[in-house]
């Protein structure tokens, strides 16, 4: 899935729904998915992030929140593979906005979700 293809999922994004999904699914999703979600979230919140990147990030996070996607999230062992691919593609696109401070915030928050 190309990052630009994710923009159609923007309507599924809300900050409240993102935190709710992370609270419910963090352990099932695993460290890699949770970390990428949080990195994208903090890049989205950064005032220096260009608007064109924010649209991609909102789409990727909306796709993560969406309960029905290409591979259902409840499918053991594979449910988050499509989410991981989408999150990774967008992270590669916005990589120049991923500062050391954002990486650290995401790491710290991930630890809270995976306690």
N, C-alpha and C. Protein backbone atom coordinates (compact mmCIF):
# COMPACT_ATOMS: atom_id res chain seq x y z
N UNK A 1 0.85 -1.18 0.00
CA UNK A 1 0.00 0.00 0.00
C UNK A 1 0.89 1.24 0.00
N UNK A 2 0.64 2.12 -0.90
CA UNK A 2 1.38 3.37 -0.99
C UNK A 2 0.86 4.36 0.04
N UNK A 3 1.75 5.19 0.61
CA UNK A 3 1.29 6.17 1.60
C UNK A 3 0.14 7.04 1.11
N UNK A 4 0.18 7.48 -0.16
CA UNK A 4 -0.91 8.34 -0.66
C UNK A 4 -2.25 7.62 -0.67
N UNK A 5 -2.23 6.28 -0.77
CA UNK A 5 -3.47 5.51 -0.76
C UNK A 5 -4.14 5.53 0.62
N UNK A 6 -3.40 5.86 1.64
CA UNK A 6 -3.92 5.85 3.00
C UNK A 6 -4.75 7.09 3.33
N UNK A 7 -4.62 8.13 2.53
CA UNK A 7 -5.34 9.37 2.82
C UNK A 7 -6.85 9.16 2.89
N UNK A 8 -7.36 8.15 2.20
CA UNK A 8 -8.81 7.90 2.23
C UNK A 8 -9.31 7.43 3.60
N UNK A 9 -8.39 7.10 4.50
CA UNK A 9 -8.78 6.63 5.83
C UNK A 9 -8.76 7.75 6.87
N UNK A 10 -8.57 8.98 6.43
CA UNK A 10 -8.48 10.11 7.36
C UNK A 10 -9.73 10.27 8.22
N UNK A 11 -10.89 9.96 7.68
CA UNK A 11 -12.13 10.13 8.44
C UNK A 11 -12.23 9.17 9.63
N UNK A 12 -11.41 8.14 9.64
CA UNK A 12 -11.43 7.17 10.74
C UNK A 12 -10.58 7.61 11.92
N UNK A 13 -9.82 8.68 11.73
CA UNK A 13 -8.91 9.12 12.78
C UNK A 13 -9.58 10.08 13.76
N UNK A 14 -9.35 9.81 15.02
CA UNK A 14 -9.58 10.78 16.08
C UNK A 14 -8.59 10.42 17.19
N UNK A 15 -8.15 11.42 17.89
CA UNK A 15 -7.18 11.19 18.95
C UNK A 15 -7.76 10.25 20.01
N UNK A 16 -9.02 10.45 20.34
CA UNK A 16 -9.68 9.60 21.34
C UNK A 16 -9.72 8.14 20.88
N UNK A 17 -10.08 7.91 19.63
CA UNK A 17 -10.14 6.54 19.11
C UNK A 17 -8.76 5.90 19.04
N UNK A 18 -7.73 6.71 18.75
CA UNK A 18 -6.37 6.19 18.70
C UNK A 18 -5.95 5.69 20.08
N UNK A 19 -6.13 6.51 21.10
CA UNK A 19 -5.74 6.10 22.45
C UNK A 19 -6.57 4.91 22.92
N UNK A 20 -7.84 4.88 22.55
CA UNK A 20 -8.70 3.76 22.93
C UNK A 20 -8.19 2.45 22.30
N UNK A 21 -7.87 2.49 21.01
CA UNK A 21 -7.38 1.28 20.33
C UNK A 21 -6.05 0.85 20.94
N UNK A 22 -5.16 1.78 21.22
CA UNK A 22 -3.89 1.42 21.83
C UNK A 22 -4.08 0.79 23.20
N UNK A 23 -4.97 1.34 24.01
CA UNK A 23 -5.23 0.76 25.33
C UNK A 23 -5.73 -0.67 25.21
N UNK A 24 -6.62 -0.90 24.25
CA UNK A 24 -7.23 -2.23 24.09
C UNK A 24 -6.33 -3.23 23.38
N UNK A 25 -5.53 -2.77 22.42
CA UNK A 25 -4.85 -3.71 21.53
C UNK A 25 -3.32 -3.66 21.59
N UNK A 26 -2.73 -2.86 22.45
CA UNK A 26 -1.27 -2.68 22.44
C UNK A 26 -0.53 -4.00 22.58
N UNK A 27 -0.93 -4.82 23.52
CA UNK A 27 -0.21 -6.08 23.74
C UNK A 27 -0.37 -7.03 22.56
N UNK A 28 -1.55 -7.06 21.96
CA UNK A 28 -1.76 -7.91 20.78
C UNK A 28 -1.01 -7.36 19.57
N UNK A 29 -0.98 -6.06 19.43
CA UNK A 29 -0.31 -5.43 18.29
C UNK A 29 1.20 -5.61 18.39
N UNK A 30 1.73 -5.50 19.59
CA UNK A 30 3.15 -5.68 19.79
C UNK A 30 3.95 -4.40 19.75
N UNK A 31 5.19 -4.52 20.21
CA UNK A 31 6.08 -3.38 20.37
C UNK A 31 6.29 -2.60 19.07
N UNK A 32 6.55 -3.30 17.98
CA UNK A 32 6.88 -2.62 16.72
C UNK A 32 5.72 -1.77 16.22
N UNK A 33 4.52 -2.32 16.25
CA UNK A 33 3.34 -1.58 15.78
C UNK A 33 3.08 -0.39 16.70
N UNK A 34 3.07 -0.63 18.01
CA UNK A 34 2.78 0.44 18.96
C UNK A 34 3.81 1.57 18.83
N UNK A 35 5.08 1.21 18.70
CA UNK A 35 6.11 2.23 18.57
C UNK A 35 5.90 3.07 17.31
N UNK A 36 5.60 2.44 16.20
CA UNK A 36 5.39 3.18 14.95
C UNK A 36 4.15 4.08 15.04
N UNK A 37 3.09 3.59 15.66
CA UNK A 37 1.88 4.41 15.85
C UNK A 37 2.24 5.66 16.66
N UNK A 38 2.96 5.46 17.74
CA UNK A 38 3.31 6.59 18.61
C UNK A 38 4.28 7.55 17.93
N UNK A 39 5.22 7.02 17.17
CA UNK A 39 6.12 7.91 16.43
C UNK A 39 5.33 8.78 15.45
N UNK A 40 4.42 8.16 14.73
CA UNK A 40 3.60 8.94 13.79
C UNK A 40 2.73 9.95 14.52
N UNK A 41 2.16 9.55 15.65
CA UNK A 41 1.33 10.47 16.42
C UNK A 41 2.13 11.70 16.84
N UNK A 42 3.33 11.48 17.36
CA UNK A 42 4.13 12.62 17.82
C UNK A 42 4.66 13.47 16.67
N UNK A 43 4.93 12.87 15.53
CA UNK A 43 5.28 13.67 14.34
C UNK A 43 4.07 14.51 13.94
N UNK A 44 2.88 13.93 13.98
CA UNK A 44 1.64 14.65 13.66
C UNK A 44 1.46 15.85 14.58
N UNK A 45 1.75 15.69 15.86
CA UNK A 45 1.55 16.75 16.84
C UNK A 45 2.63 17.84 16.77
N UNK A 46 3.73 17.57 16.10
CA UNK A 46 4.83 18.52 16.01
C UNK A 46 4.46 19.69 15.09
N UNK A 47 4.59 20.89 15.58
CA UNK A 47 4.21 22.08 14.80
C UNK A 47 5.08 22.28 13.56
N UNK A 48 6.24 21.63 13.51
CA UNK A 48 7.14 21.77 12.37
C UNK A 48 6.85 20.78 11.24
N UNK A 49 5.92 19.88 11.46
CA UNK A 49 5.60 18.88 10.43
C UNK A 49 4.77 19.53 9.32
N UNK A 50 5.21 19.39 8.07
CA UNK A 50 4.44 19.97 6.95
C UNK A 50 3.04 19.36 6.83
N UNK A 51 2.12 20.17 6.38
CA UNK A 51 0.72 19.75 6.22
C UNK A 51 0.59 18.52 5.33
N UNK A 52 1.38 18.44 4.26
CA UNK A 52 1.28 17.29 3.35
C UNK A 52 1.62 15.99 4.09
N UNK A 53 2.52 16.04 5.06
CA UNK A 53 2.84 14.86 5.85
C UNK A 53 1.73 14.55 6.85
N UNK A 54 1.14 15.58 7.39
CA UNK A 54 0.08 15.37 8.38
C UNK A 54 -1.10 14.61 7.77
N UNK A 55 -1.41 14.90 6.53
CA UNK A 55 -2.50 14.20 5.85
C UNK A 55 -2.18 12.70 5.72
N UNK A 56 -0.95 12.37 5.38
CA UNK A 56 -0.55 10.97 5.27
C UNK A 56 -0.60 10.27 6.63
N UNK A 57 -0.12 10.96 7.65
CA UNK A 57 -0.11 10.39 8.99
C UNK A 57 -1.52 10.14 9.49
N UNK A 58 -2.40 11.10 9.30
CA UNK A 58 -3.80 10.93 9.74
C UNK A 58 -4.43 9.74 9.01
N UNK A 59 -4.12 9.58 7.74
CA UNK A 59 -4.62 8.43 7.00
C UNK A 59 -4.10 7.12 7.55
N UNK A 60 -2.81 7.05 7.85
CA UNK A 60 -2.21 5.82 8.39
C UNK A 60 -2.77 5.50 9.77
N UNK A 61 -2.91 6.51 10.61
CA UNK A 61 -3.47 6.28 11.94
C UNK A 61 -4.96 5.93 11.85
N UNK A 62 -5.66 6.52 10.90
CA UNK A 62 -7.06 6.15 10.66
C UNK A 62 -7.18 4.70 10.23
N UNK A 63 -6.26 4.25 9.39
CA UNK A 63 -6.25 2.85 8.95
C UNK A 63 -5.99 1.93 10.14
N UNK A 64 -5.08 2.32 11.02
CA UNK A 64 -4.80 1.53 12.22
C UNK A 64 -6.05 1.43 13.11
N UNK A 65 -6.77 2.52 13.24
CA UNK A 65 -7.97 2.55 14.09
C UNK A 65 -9.10 1.73 13.49
N UNK A 66 -9.20 1.73 12.17
CA UNK A 66 -10.29 1.05 11.48
C UNK A 66 -10.41 -0.40 11.95
N UNK A 67 -11.58 -0.81 12.44
CA UNK A 67 -11.71 -2.17 12.96
C UNK A 67 -11.71 -3.25 11.88
N UNK A 68 -12.08 -2.89 10.68
CA UNK A 68 -12.11 -3.87 9.59
C UNK A 68 -11.16 -3.38 8.52
N UNK A 69 -10.06 -4.12 8.34
CA UNK A 69 -9.10 -3.75 7.31
C UNK A 69 -8.73 -4.99 6.52
N UNK A 70 -7.66 -4.93 5.77
CA UNK A 70 -7.30 -6.06 4.90
C UNK A 70 -7.12 -7.36 5.66
N UNK A 71 -6.47 -7.30 6.80
CA UNK A 71 -6.29 -8.47 7.64
C UNK A 71 -6.88 -8.12 9.00
N UNK A 72 -7.95 -8.78 9.42
CA UNK A 72 -8.58 -8.44 10.70
C UNK A 72 -7.58 -8.46 11.85
N UNK A 73 -7.62 -7.44 12.72
CA UNK A 73 -6.67 -7.30 13.81
C UNK A 73 -6.75 -8.41 14.83
N UNK A 74 -7.83 -9.11 14.88
CA UNK A 74 -7.97 -10.19 15.86
C UNK A 74 -7.41 -11.51 15.37
N UNK A 75 -6.98 -11.58 14.12
CA UNK A 75 -6.42 -12.81 13.56
C UNK A 75 -5.05 -13.07 14.19
N UNK A 76 -4.91 -14.16 14.93
CA UNK A 76 -3.66 -14.42 15.65
C UNK A 76 -2.45 -14.47 14.71
N UNK A 77 -1.40 -13.75 15.11
CA UNK A 77 -0.14 -13.80 14.40
C UNK A 77 -0.05 -12.96 13.14
N UNK A 78 -1.16 -12.58 12.55
CA UNK A 78 -1.10 -11.84 11.30
C UNK A 78 -1.94 -10.58 11.30
N UNK A 79 -2.77 -10.41 12.29
CA UNK A 79 -3.77 -9.35 12.28
C UNK A 79 -3.26 -7.94 12.12
N UNK A 80 -2.01 -7.69 12.50
CA UNK A 80 -1.49 -6.33 12.40
C UNK A 80 -0.46 -6.17 11.30
N UNK A 81 -0.30 -7.19 10.46
CA UNK A 81 0.71 -7.14 9.39
C UNK A 81 0.43 -6.01 8.40
N UNK A 82 -0.83 -5.84 8.02
CA UNK A 82 -1.16 -4.77 7.08
C UNK A 82 -1.00 -3.40 7.73
N UNK A 83 -1.36 -3.30 9.01
CA UNK A 83 -1.18 -2.04 9.74
C UNK A 83 0.31 -1.69 9.80
N UNK A 84 1.12 -2.68 10.11
CA UNK A 84 2.57 -2.46 10.21
C UNK A 84 3.14 -1.98 8.87
N UNK A 85 2.69 -2.59 7.79
CA UNK A 85 3.17 -2.18 6.46
C UNK A 85 2.78 -0.73 6.17
N UNK A 86 1.54 -0.37 6.48
CA UNK A 86 1.08 1.00 6.23
C UNK A 86 1.83 2.01 7.10
N UNK A 87 1.99 1.68 8.37
CA UNK A 87 2.69 2.58 9.29
C UNK A 87 4.15 2.77 8.86
N UNK A 88 4.79 1.67 8.47
CA UNK A 88 6.19 1.73 8.04
C UNK A 88 6.34 2.58 6.79
N UNK A 89 5.44 2.41 5.83
CA UNK A 89 5.52 3.18 4.59
C UNK A 89 5.42 4.68 4.87
N UNK A 90 4.52 5.07 5.74
CA UNK A 90 4.36 6.49 6.05
C UNK A 90 5.55 6.99 6.87
N UNK A 91 6.04 6.19 7.79
CA UNK A 91 7.22 6.60 8.56
C UNK A 91 8.42 6.85 7.65
N UNK A 92 8.58 6.01 6.65
CA UNK A 92 9.68 6.22 5.70
C UNK A 92 9.51 7.54 4.95
N UNK A 93 8.28 7.88 4.66
CA UNK A 93 7.99 9.13 3.94
C UNK A 93 8.27 10.35 4.81
N UNK A 94 7.93 10.28 6.08
CA UNK A 94 8.06 11.44 6.97
C UNK A 94 9.32 11.36 7.84
N UNK A 95 10.22 10.49 7.49
CA UNK A 95 11.40 10.22 8.31
C UNK A 95 12.19 11.48 8.67
N UNK A 96 12.22 12.46 7.80
CA UNK A 96 12.98 13.68 8.09
C UNK A 96 12.36 14.49 9.23
N UNK A 97 11.13 14.17 9.61
CA UNK A 97 10.47 14.86 10.73
C UNK A 97 10.59 14.08 12.05
N UNK A 98 11.15 12.90 11.98
CA UNK A 98 11.27 12.02 13.15
C UNK A 98 12.53 12.39 13.93
N UNK A 99 12.38 13.32 14.85
CA UNK A 99 13.52 13.84 15.62
C UNK A 99 13.88 12.88 16.76
N UNK A 100 15.07 13.02 17.32
CA UNK A 100 15.43 12.21 18.49
C UNK A 100 14.45 12.42 19.66
N UNK A 101 13.95 13.63 19.82
CA UNK A 101 12.98 13.91 20.90
C UNK A 101 11.68 13.14 20.67
N UNK A 102 11.21 13.11 19.45
CA UNK A 102 9.99 12.38 19.13
C UNK A 102 10.20 10.88 19.34
N UNK A 103 11.34 10.38 18.91
CA UNK A 103 11.64 8.96 19.12
C UNK A 103 11.62 8.61 20.61
N UNK A 104 12.20 9.48 21.43
CA UNK A 104 12.24 9.22 22.87
C UNK A 104 10.84 9.27 23.49
N UNK A 105 10.04 10.26 23.10
CA UNK A 105 8.66 10.35 23.61
C UNK A 105 7.88 9.09 23.26
N UNK A 106 8.05 8.62 22.02
CA UNK A 106 7.34 7.42 21.58
C UNK A 106 7.80 6.20 22.36
N UNK A 107 9.09 6.07 22.59
CA UNK A 107 9.64 4.94 23.37
C UNK A 107 9.06 4.96 24.79
N UNK A 108 9.07 6.12 25.40
CA UNK A 108 8.57 6.25 26.78
C UNK A 108 7.09 5.89 26.86
N UNK A 109 6.30 6.40 25.93
CA UNK A 109 4.86 6.13 25.94
C UNK A 109 4.58 4.66 25.63
N UNK A 110 5.35 4.07 24.73
CA UNK A 110 5.18 2.66 24.38
C UNK A 110 5.33 1.80 25.63
N UNK A 111 6.30 2.10 26.46
CA UNK A 111 6.53 1.33 27.69
C UNK A 111 5.31 1.37 28.59
N UNK A 112 4.62 2.50 28.63
CA UNK A 112 3.40 2.62 29.43
C UNK A 112 2.32 1.67 28.91
N UNK A 113 2.18 1.60 27.58
CA UNK A 113 1.14 0.75 27.00
C UNK A 113 1.45 -0.73 27.13
N UNK A 114 2.72 -1.08 27.18
CA UNK A 114 3.09 -2.49 27.19
C UNK A 114 3.49 -3.02 28.57
N UNK A 115 3.15 -2.30 29.62
CA UNK A 115 3.43 -2.76 31.00
C UNK A 115 2.77 -4.07 31.27
